[in-house]
PDB file of N, CA and C in Angstrom:
ATOM      1  N   UNK A   1      16.620 -47.828 -94.161  1.00  0.00           N
ATOM      2  CA  UNK A   1      15.940 -47.819 -92.882  1.00  0.00           C
ATOM      3  C   UNK A   1      16.273 -49.097 -92.128  1.00  0.00           C
ATOM      4  N   UNK A   2      16.652 -48.979 -90.875  1.00  0.00           N
ATOM      5  CA  UNK A   2      16.979 -50.130 -90.057  1.00  0.00           C
ATOM      6  C   UNK A   2      15.707 -50.707 -89.440  1.00  0.00           C
ATOM      7  N   UNK A   3      15.521 -52.002 -89.635  1.00  0.00           N
ATOM      8  CA  UNK A   3      14.331 -52.665 -89.095  1.00  0.00           C
ATOM      9  C   UNK A   3      14.473 -52.890 -87.596  1.00  0.00           C
ATOM     10  N   UNK A   4      13.342 -52.881 -86.907  1.00  0.00           N
ATOM     11  CA  UNK A   4      13.331 -53.081 -85.460  1.00  0.00           C
ATOM     12  C   UNK A   4      13.492 -54.552 -85.089  1.00  0.00           C
ATOM     13  N   UNK A   5      13.324 -55.438 -86.097  1.00  0.00           N
ATOM     14  CA  UNK A   5      13.421 -56.872 -85.841  1.00  0.00           C
ATOM     15  C   UNK A   5      14.370 -57.521 -86.836  1.00  0.00           C
ATOM     16  N   UNK A   6      15.112 -58.494 -86.341  1.00  0.00           N
ATOM     17  CA  UNK A   6      15.992 -59.301 -87.176  1.00  0.00           C
ATOM     18  C   UNK A   6      15.442 -60.713 -87.211  1.00  0.00           C
ATOM     19  N   UNK A   7      15.539 -61.369 -88.347  1.00  0.00           N
ATOM     20  CA  UNK A   7      15.067 -62.742 -88.470  1.00  0.00           C
ATOM     21  C   UNK A   7      16.155 -63.597 -89.098  1.00  0.00           C
ATOM     22  N   UNK A   8      16.197 -64.842 -88.691  1.00  0.00           N
ATOM     23  CA  UNK A   8      17.144 -65.797 -89.246  1.00  0.00           C
ATOM     24  C   UNK A   8      16.532 -67.189 -89.173  1.00  0.00           C
ATOM     25  N   UNK A   9      17.045 -68.068 -89.991  1.00  0.00           N
ATOM     26  CA  UNK A   9      16.637 -69.471 -89.926  1.00  0.00           C
ATOM     27  C   UNK A   9      17.756 -70.231 -89.252  1.00  0.00           C
ATOM     28  N   UNK A  10      17.431 -70.846 -88.126  1.00  0.00           N
ATOM     29  CA  UNK A  10      18.390 -71.640 -87.355  1.00  0.00           C
ATOM     30  C   UNK A  10      17.820 -73.033 -87.165  1.00  0.00           C
ATOM     31  N   UNK A  11      18.576 -74.026 -87.552  1.00  0.00           N
ATOM     32  CA  UNK A  11      18.124 -75.415 -87.456  1.00  0.00           C
ATOM     33  C   UNK A  11      16.740 -75.607 -88.062  1.00  0.00           C
ATOM     34  N   UNK A  12      16.472 -74.901 -89.172  1.00  0.00           N
ATOM     35  CA  UNK A  12      15.219 -75.075 -89.883  1.00  0.00           C
ATOM     36  C   UNK A  12      14.042 -74.300 -89.328  1.00  0.00           C
ATOM     37  N   UNK A  13      14.238 -73.511 -88.288  1.00  0.00           N
ATOM     38  CA  UNK A  13      13.147 -72.736 -87.719  1.00  0.00           C
ATOM     39  C   UNK A  13      13.479 -71.253 -87.762  1.00  0.00           C
ATOM     40  N   UNK A  14      12.432 -70.444 -87.926  1.00  0.00           N
ATOM     41  CA  UNK A  14      12.617 -68.997 -87.942  1.00  0.00           C
ATOM     42  C   UNK A  14      12.735 -68.490 -86.513  1.00  0.00           C
ATOM     43  N   UNK A  15      13.759 -67.678 -86.289  1.00  0.00           N
ATOM     44  CA  UNK A  15      13.969 -67.007 -85.011  1.00  0.00           C
ATOM     45  C   UNK A  15      13.940 -65.506 -85.298  1.00  0.00           C
ATOM     46  N   UNK A  16      13.153 -64.774 -84.509  1.00  0.00           N
ATOM     47  CA  UNK A  16      13.045 -63.329 -84.682  1.00  0.00           C
ATOM     48  C   UNK A  16      13.545 -62.660 -83.406  1.00  0.00           C
ATOM     49  N   UNK A  17      14.403 -61.667 -83.580  1.00  0.00           N
ATOM     50  CA  UNK A  17      14.897 -60.872 -82.461  1.00  0.00           C
ATOM     51  C   UNK A  17      14.268 -59.495 -82.546  1.00  0.00           C
ATOM     52  N   UNK A  18      13.557 -59.110 -81.496  1.00  0.00           N
ATOM     53  CA  UNK A  18      13.037 -57.750 -81.378  1.00  0.00           C
ATOM     54  C   UNK A  18      14.128 -56.945 -80.701  1.00  0.00           C
ATOM     55  N   UNK A  19      14.767 -56.062 -81.455  1.00  0.00           N
ATOM     56  CA  UNK A  19      15.919 -55.331 -80.924  1.00  0.00           C
ATOM     57  C   UNK A  19      15.532 -54.380 -79.801  1.00  0.00           C
ATOM     58  N   UNK A  20      14.328 -53.842 -79.839  1.00  0.00           N
ATOM     59  CA  UNK A  20      13.908 -52.881 -78.813  1.00  0.00           C
ATOM     60  C   UNK A  20      13.758 -53.538 -77.446  1.00  0.00           C
ATOM     61  N   UNK A  21      13.298 -54.783 -77.420  1.00  0.00           N
ATOM     62  CA  UNK A  21      13.062 -55.470 -76.146  1.00  0.00           C
ATOM     63  C   UNK A  21      14.082 -56.559 -75.863  1.00  0.00           C
ATOM     64  N   UNK A  22      14.970 -56.826 -76.829  1.00  0.00           N
ATOM     65  CA  UNK A  22      15.957 -57.906 -76.732  1.00  0.00           C
ATOM     66  C   UNK A  22      15.273 -59.252 -76.510  1.00  0.00           C
ATOM     67  N   UNK A  23      14.105 -59.410 -77.116  1.00  0.00           N
ATOM     68  CA  UNK A  23      13.333 -60.637 -76.963  1.00  0.00           C
ATOM     69  C   UNK A  23      13.469 -61.498 -78.217  1.00  0.00           C
ATOM     70  N   UNK A  24      13.724 -62.787 -78.012  1.00  0.00           N
ATOM     71  CA  UNK A  24      13.794 -63.760 -79.102  1.00  0.00           C
ATOM     72  C   UNK A  24      12.474 -64.497 -79.213  1.00  0.00           C
ATOM     73  N   UNK A  25      12.029 -64.706 -80.447  1.00  0.00           N
ATOM     74  CA  UNK A  25      10.806 -65.463 -80.684  1.00  0.00           C
ATOM     75  C   UNK A  25      11.123 -66.584 -81.659  1.00  0.00           C
ATOM     76  N   UNK A  26      10.762 -67.779 -81.314  1.00  0.00           N
ATOM     77  CA  UNK A  26      10.989 -68.950 -82.145  1.00  0.00           C
ATOM     78  C   UNK A  26       9.646 -69.399 -82.703  1.00  0.00           C
ATOM     79  N   UNK A  27       9.574 -69.571 -84.025  1.00  0.00           N
ATOM     80  CA  UNK A  27       8.320 -69.968 -84.669  1.00  0.00           C
ATOM     81  C   UNK A  27       8.359 -71.428 -85.069  1.00  0.00           C
ATOM     82  N   UNK A  28       7.281 -72.136 -84.762  1.00  0.00           N
ATOM     83  CA  UNK A  28       7.140 -73.485 -85.282  1.00  0.00           C
ATOM     84  C   UNK A  28       6.752 -73.368 -86.763  1.00  0.00           C
ATOM     85  N   UNK A  29       6.857 -74.444 -87.528  1.00  0.00           N
ATOM     86  CA  UNK A  29       6.598 -74.355 -88.970  1.00  0.00           C
ATOM     87  C   UNK A  29       5.200 -73.831 -89.329  1.00  0.00           C
ATOM     88  N   UNK A  30       4.169 -74.220 -88.592  1.00  0.00           N
ATOM     89  CA  UNK A  30       2.813 -73.754 -88.901  1.00  0.00           C
ATOM     90  C   UNK A  30       2.690 -72.252 -88.662  1.00  0.00           C
ATOM     91  N   UNK A  31       3.238 -71.772 -87.559  1.00  0.00           N
ATOM     92  CA  UNK A  31       3.184 -70.343 -87.259  1.00  0.00           C
ATOM     93  C   UNK A  31       3.956 -69.557 -88.307  1.00  0.00           C
ATOM     94  N   UNK A  32       5.085 -70.092 -88.738  1.00  0.00           N
ATOM     95  CA  UNK A  32       5.873 -69.434 -89.776  1.00  0.00           C
ATOM     96  C   UNK A  32       5.068 -69.315 -91.070  1.00  0.00           C
ATOM     97  N   UNK A  33       4.366 -70.367 -91.445  1.00  0.00           N
ATOM     98  CA  UNK A  33       3.547 -70.327 -92.668  1.00  0.00           C
ATOM     99  C   UNK A  33       2.495 -69.236 -92.580  1.00  0.00           C
ATOM    100  N   UNK A  34       1.847 -69.120 -91.424  1.00  0.00           N
ATOM    101  CA  UNK A  34       0.826 -68.093 -91.236  1.00  0.00           C
ATOM    102  C   UNK A  34       1.474 -66.715 -91.340  1.00  0.00           C
ATOM    103  N   UNK A  35       2.575 -66.518 -90.624  1.00  0.00           N
ATOM    104  CA  UNK A  35       3.271 -65.228 -90.598  1.00  0.00           C
ATOM    105  C   UNK A  35       3.708 -64.809 -91.997  1.00  0.00           C
ATOM    106  N   UNK A  36       4.314 -65.727 -92.737  1.00  0.00           N
ATOM    107  CA  UNK A  36       4.797 -65.402 -94.084  1.00  0.00           C
ATOM    108  C   UNK A  36       3.645 -65.132 -95.055  1.00  0.00           C
ATOM    109  N   UNK A  37       2.469 -65.657 -94.758  1.00  0.00           N
ATOM    110  CA  UNK A  37       1.307 -65.466 -95.637  1.00  0.00           C
ATOM    111  C   UNK A  37       0.565 -64.168 -95.365  1.00  0.00           C
ATOM    112  N   UNK A  38       0.918 -63.467 -94.310  1.00  0.00           N
ATOM    113  CA  UNK A  38       0.227 -62.224 -93.946  1.00  0.00           C
ATOM    114  C   UNK A  38       0.726 -61.070 -94.815  1.00  0.00           C
ATOM    115  N   UNK A  39       0.077 -60.921 -95.944  1.00  0.00           N
ATOM    116  CA  UNK A  39       0.460 -59.873 -96.893  1.00  0.00           C
ATOM    117  C   UNK A  39      -0.763 -59.040 -97.270  1.00  0.00           C
ATOM    118  N   UNK A  40      -1.503 -58.624 -96.252  1.00  0.00           N
ATOM    119  CA  UNK A  40      -2.708 -57.853 -96.506  1.00  0.00           C
ATOM    120  C   UNK A  40      -3.911 -58.724 -96.802  1.00  0.00           C
ATOM    121  N   UNK A  41      -3.954 -59.906 -96.226  1.00  0.00           N
ATOM    122  CA  UNK A  41      -5.032 -60.856 -96.475  1.00  0.00           C
ATOM    123  C   UNK A  41      -5.998 -60.914 -95.299  1.00  0.00           C
ATOM    124  N   UNK A  42      -7.215 -61.359 -95.584  1.00  0.00           N
ATOM    125  CA  UNK A  42      -8.209 -61.542 -94.534  1.00  0.00           C
ATOM    126  C   UNK A  42      -8.039 -62.921 -93.902  1.00  0.00           C
ATOM    127  N   UNK A  43      -8.679 -63.120 -92.786  1.00  0.00           N
ATOM    128  CA  UNK A  43      -8.652 -64.422 -92.117  1.00  0.00           C
ATOM    129  C   UNK A  43      -9.219 -65.500 -93.037  1.00  0.00           C
ATOM    130  N   UNK A  44     -10.285 -65.182 -93.733  1.00  0.00           N
ATOM    131  CA  UNK A  44     -10.910 -66.142 -94.634  1.00  0.00           C
ATOM    132  C   UNK A  44      -9.970 -66.507 -95.788  1.00  0.00           C
ATOM    133  N   UNK A  45      -9.248 -65.509 -96.307  1.00  0.00           N
ATOM    134  CA  UNK A  45      -8.283 -65.786 -97.377  1.00  0.00           C
ATOM    135  C   UNK A  45      -7.146 -66.667 -96.874  1.00  0.00           C
ATOM    136  N   UNK A  46      -6.698 -66.411 -95.645  1.00  0.00           N
ATOM    137  CA  UNK A  46      -5.663 -67.265 -95.057  1.00  0.00           C
ATOM    138  C   UNK A  46      -6.152 -68.698 -94.910  1.00  0.00           C
ATOM    139  N   UNK A  47      -7.377 -68.851 -94.428  1.00  0.00           N
ATOM    140  CA  UNK A  47      -7.933 -70.193 -94.240  1.00  0.00           C
ATOM    141  C   UNK A  47      -8.009 -70.939 -95.568  1.00  0.00           C
ATOM    142  N   UNK A  48      -8.381 -70.240 -96.629  1.00  0.00           N
ATOM    143  CA  UNK A  48      -8.446 -70.866 -97.954  1.00  0.00           C
ATOM    144  C   UNK A  48      -7.051 -71.223 -98.447  1.00  0.00           C
ATOM    145  N   UNK A  49      -6.113 -70.295 -98.297  1.00  0.00           N
ATOM    146  CA  UNK A  49      -4.744 -70.504 -98.791  1.00  0.00           C
ATOM    147  C   UNK A  49      -4.015 -71.603 -98.023  1.00  0.00           C
ATOM    148  N   UNK A  50      -4.152 -71.590 -96.692  1.00  0.00           N
ATOM    149  CA  UNK A  50      -3.380 -72.515 -95.860  1.00  0.00           C
ATOM    150  C   UNK A  50      -4.138 -73.779 -95.490  1.00  0.00           C
ATOM    151  N   UNK A  51      -5.442 -73.782 -95.700  1.00  0.00           N
ATOM    152  CA  UNK A  51      -6.216 -74.976 -95.418  1.00  0.00           C
ATOM    153  C   UNK A  51      -6.509 -75.204 -93.945  1.00  0.00           C
ATOM    154  N   UNK A  52      -6.345 -74.201 -93.108  1.00  0.00           N
ATOM    155  CA  UNK A  52      -6.643 -74.353 -91.686  1.00  0.00           C
ATOM    156  C   UNK A  52      -8.016 -73.824 -91.351  1.00  0.00           C
ATOM    157  N   UNK A  53      -8.454 -74.131 -90.148  1.00  0.00           N
ATOM    158  CA  UNK A  53      -9.743 -73.604 -89.709  1.00  0.00           C
ATOM    159  C   UNK A  53      -9.570 -72.144 -89.301  1.00  0.00           C
ATOM    160  N   UNK A  54     -10.579 -71.319 -89.566  1.00  0.00           N
ATOM    161  CA  UNK A  54     -10.489 -69.915 -89.167  1.00  0.00           C
ATOM    162  C   UNK A  54     -10.231 -69.732 -87.672  1.00  0.00           C
ATOM    163  N   UNK A  55     -10.805 -70.573 -86.838  1.00  0.00           N
ATOM    164  CA  UNK A  55     -10.612 -70.444 -85.390  1.00  0.00           C
ATOM    165  C   UNK A  55      -9.151 -70.687 -85.003  1.00  0.00           C
ATOM    166  N   UNK A  56      -8.537 -71.722 -85.565  1.00  0.00           N
ATOM    167  CA  UNK A  56      -7.132 -72.012 -85.276  1.00  0.00           C
ATOM    168  C   UNK A  56      -6.226 -70.903 -85.802  1.00  0.00           C
ATOM    169  N   UNK A  57      -6.507 -70.427 -86.992  1.00  0.00           N
ATOM    170  CA  UNK A  57      -5.704 -69.359 -87.570  1.00  0.00           C
ATOM    171  C   UNK A  57      -5.852 -68.069 -86.777  1.00  0.00           C
ATOM    172  N   UNK A  58      -7.071 -67.785 -86.311  1.00  0.00           N
ATOM    173  CA  UNK A  58      -7.294 -66.575 -85.501  1.00  0.00           C
ATOM    174  C   UNK A  58      -6.456 -66.628 -84.236  1.00  0.00           C
ATOM    175  N   UNK A  59      -6.361 -67.790 -83.626  1.00  0.00           N
ATOM    176  CA  UNK A  59      -5.551 -67.950 -82.415  1.00  0.00           C
ATOM    177  C   UNK A  59      -4.076 -67.701 -82.716  1.00  0.00           C
ATOM    178  N   UNK A  60      -3.597 -68.250 -83.825  1.00  0.00           N
ATOM    179  CA  UNK A  60      -2.197 -68.029 -84.227  1.00  0.00           C
ATOM    180  C   UNK A  60      -1.952 -66.553 -84.512  1.00  0.00           C
ATOM    181  N   UNK A  61      -2.872 -65.918 -85.223  1.00  0.00           N
ATOM    182  CA  UNK A  61      -2.730 -64.496 -85.539  1.00  0.00           C
ATOM    183  C   UNK A  61      -2.714 -63.636 -84.281  1.00  0.00           C
ATOM    184  N   UNK A  62      -3.553 -63.970 -83.319  1.00  0.00           N
ATOM    185  CA  UNK A  62      -3.574 -63.222 -82.063  1.00  0.00           C
ATOM    186  C   UNK A  62      -2.239 -63.334 -81.340  1.00  0.00           C
ATOM    187  N   UNK A  63      -1.655 -64.529 -81.348  1.00  0.00           N
ATOM    188  CA  UNK A  63      -0.341 -64.718 -80.732  1.00  0.00           C
ATOM    189  C   UNK A  63       0.736 -63.927 -81.438  1.00  0.00           C
ATOM    190  N   UNK A  64       0.707 -63.954 -82.772  1.00  0.00           N
ATOM    191  CA  UNK A  64       1.675 -63.179 -83.545  1.00  0.00           C
ATOM    192  C   UNK A  64       1.483 -61.681 -83.320  1.00  0.00           C
ATOM    193  N   UNK A  65       0.241 -61.242 -83.227  1.00  0.00           N
ATOM    194  CA  UNK A  65      -0.040 -59.823 -82.990  1.00  0.00           C
ATOM    195  C   UNK A  65       0.450 -59.396 -81.607  1.00  0.00           C
ATOM    196  N   UNK A  66       0.290 -60.260 -80.622  1.00  0.00           N
ATOM    197  CA  UNK A  66       0.761 -59.945 -79.266  1.00  0.00           C
ATOM    198  C   UNK A  66       2.277 -59.754 -79.239  1.00  0.00           C
ATOM    199  N   UNK A  67       2.986 -60.432 -80.142  1.00  0.00           N
ATOM    200  CA  UNK A  67       4.440 -60.309 -80.234  1.00  0.00           C
ATOM    201  C   UNK A  67       4.863 -59.179 -81.176  1.00  0.00           C
ATOM    202  N   UNK A  68       3.888 -58.520 -81.799  1.00  0.00           N
ATOM    203  CA  UNK A  68       4.200 -57.430 -82.717  1.00  0.00           C
ATOM    204  C   UNK A  68       4.650 -57.897 -84.085  1.00  0.00           C
ATOM    205  N   UNK A  69       4.375 -59.155 -84.419  1.00  0.00           N
ATOM    206  CA  UNK A  69       4.839 -59.706 -85.692  1.00  0.00           C
ATOM    207  C   UNK A  69       3.820 -59.582 -86.816  1.00  0.00           C
ATOM    208  N   UNK A  70       2.574 -59.280 -86.477  1.00  0.00           N
ATOM    209  CA  UNK A  70       1.549 -58.992 -87.478  1.00  0.00           C
ATOM    210  C   UNK A  70       0.658 -57.874 -86.954  1.00  0.00           C
ATOM    211  N   UNK A  71       0.013 -57.192 -87.871  1.00  0.00           N
ATOM    212  CA  UNK A  71      -0.986 -56.187 -87.521  1.00  0.00           C
ATOM    213  C   UNK A  71      -2.221 -56.430 -88.374  1.00  0.00           C
ATOM    214  N   UNK A  72      -3.344 -55.949 -87.874  1.00  0.00           N
ATOM    215  CA  UNK A  72      -4.601 -56.073 -88.599  1.00  0.00           C
ATOM    216  C   UNK A  72      -5.177 -54.675 -88.797  1.00  0.00           C
ATOM    217  N   UNK A  73      -5.481 -54.365 -90.042  1.00  0.00           N
ATOM    218  CA  UNK A  73      -6.066 -53.074 -90.381  1.00  0.00           C
ATOM    219  C   UNK A  73      -7.204 -53.334 -91.367  1.00  0.00           C
ATOM    220  N   UNK A  74      -8.421 -52.956 -90.988  1.00  0.00           N
ATOM    221  CA  UNK A  74      -9.602 -53.188 -91.823  1.00  0.00           C
ATOM    222  C   UNK A  74      -9.742 -54.673 -92.168  1.00  0.00           C
ATOM    223  N   UNK A  75      -9.557 -55.528 -91.152  1.00  0.00           N
ATOM    224  CA  UNK A  75      -9.688 -56.987 -91.295  1.00  0.00           C
ATOM    225  C   UNK A  75      -8.657 -57.622 -92.224  1.00  0.00           C
ATOM    226  N   UNK A  76      -7.555 -56.926 -92.486  1.00  0.00           N
ATOM    227  CA  UNK A  76      -6.487 -57.467 -93.327  1.00  0.00           C
ATOM    228  C   UNK A  76      -5.206 -57.565 -92.506  1.00  0.00           C
ATOM    229  N   UNK A  77      -4.610 -58.740 -92.536  1.00  0.00           N
ATOM    230  CA  UNK A  77      -3.422 -59.036 -91.739  1.00  0.00           C
ATOM    231  C   UNK A  77      -2.155 -58.813 -92.551  1.00  0.00           C
ATOM    232  N   UNK A  78      -1.203 -58.121 -91.929  1.00  0.00           N
ATOM    233  CA  UNK A  78       0.077 -57.846 -92.575  1.00  0.00           C
ATOM    234  C   UNK A  78       1.210 -58.173 -91.601  1.00  0.00           C
ATOM    235  N   UNK A  79       2.232 -58.845 -92.105  1.00  0.00           N
ATOM    236  CA  UNK A  79       3.393 -59.181 -91.289  1.00  0.00           C
ATOM    237  C   UNK A  79       4.289 -57.983 -91.069  1.00  0.00           C
ATOM    238  N   UNK A  80       4.911 -57.952 -89.896  1.00  0.00           N
ATOM    239  CA  UNK A  80       5.866 -56.889 -89.583  1.00  0.00           C
ATOM    240  C   UNK A  80       7.096 -57.041 -90.467  1.00  0.00           C
ATOM    241  N   UNK A  81       7.712 -55.926 -90.764  1.00  0.00           N
ATOM    242  CA  UNK A  81       8.951 -55.957 -91.548  1.00  0.00           C
ATOM    243  C   UNK A  81      10.097 -56.445 -90.668  1.00  0.00           C
ATOM    244  N   UNK A  82      10.922 -57.253 -91.258  1.00  0.00           N
ATOM    245  CA  UNK A  82      12.105 -57.756 -90.566  1.00  0.00           C
ATOM    246  C   UNK A  82      13.303 -57.642 -91.503  1.00  0.00           C
ATOM    247  N   UNK A  83      14.463 -57.604 -90.934  1.00  0.00           N
ATOM    248  CA  UNK A  83      15.707 -57.686 -91.703  1.00  0.00           C
ATOM    249  C   UNK A  83      16.226 -59.120 -91.540  1.00  0.00           C
ATOM    250  N   UNK A  84      16.369 -59.816 -92.646  1.00  0.00           N
ATOM    251  CA  UNK A  84      16.884 -61.191 -92.598  1.00  0.00           C
ATOM    252  C   UNK A  84      18.398 -61.167 -92.501  1.00  0.00           C
ATOM    253  N   UNK A  85      18.921 -61.967 -91.582  1.00  0.00           N
ATOM    254  CA  UNK A  85      20.360 -62.061 -91.395  1.00  0.00           C
ATOM    255  C   UNK A  85      20.815 -63.493 -91.563  1.00  0.00           C
TER     256      UNK A  85
END
């Protein structure tokens, strides 16, 4: 199955290309940590794992969700599938 998004590490930062919209997204290291940790976890679990405040993490998650990079189902956050290149 071909993924709708491609990801790569360039100059130490994750860059994601949404092929459907031809949009590039560049993640700072903190956002990348949050995104990579979204494996069906709750906000509270993320806060415990990453050591951030729930309010700050919620803001990051909302931004990632707006870009289609995470989804929330039954209060559990999951990262979108990407093909690494």
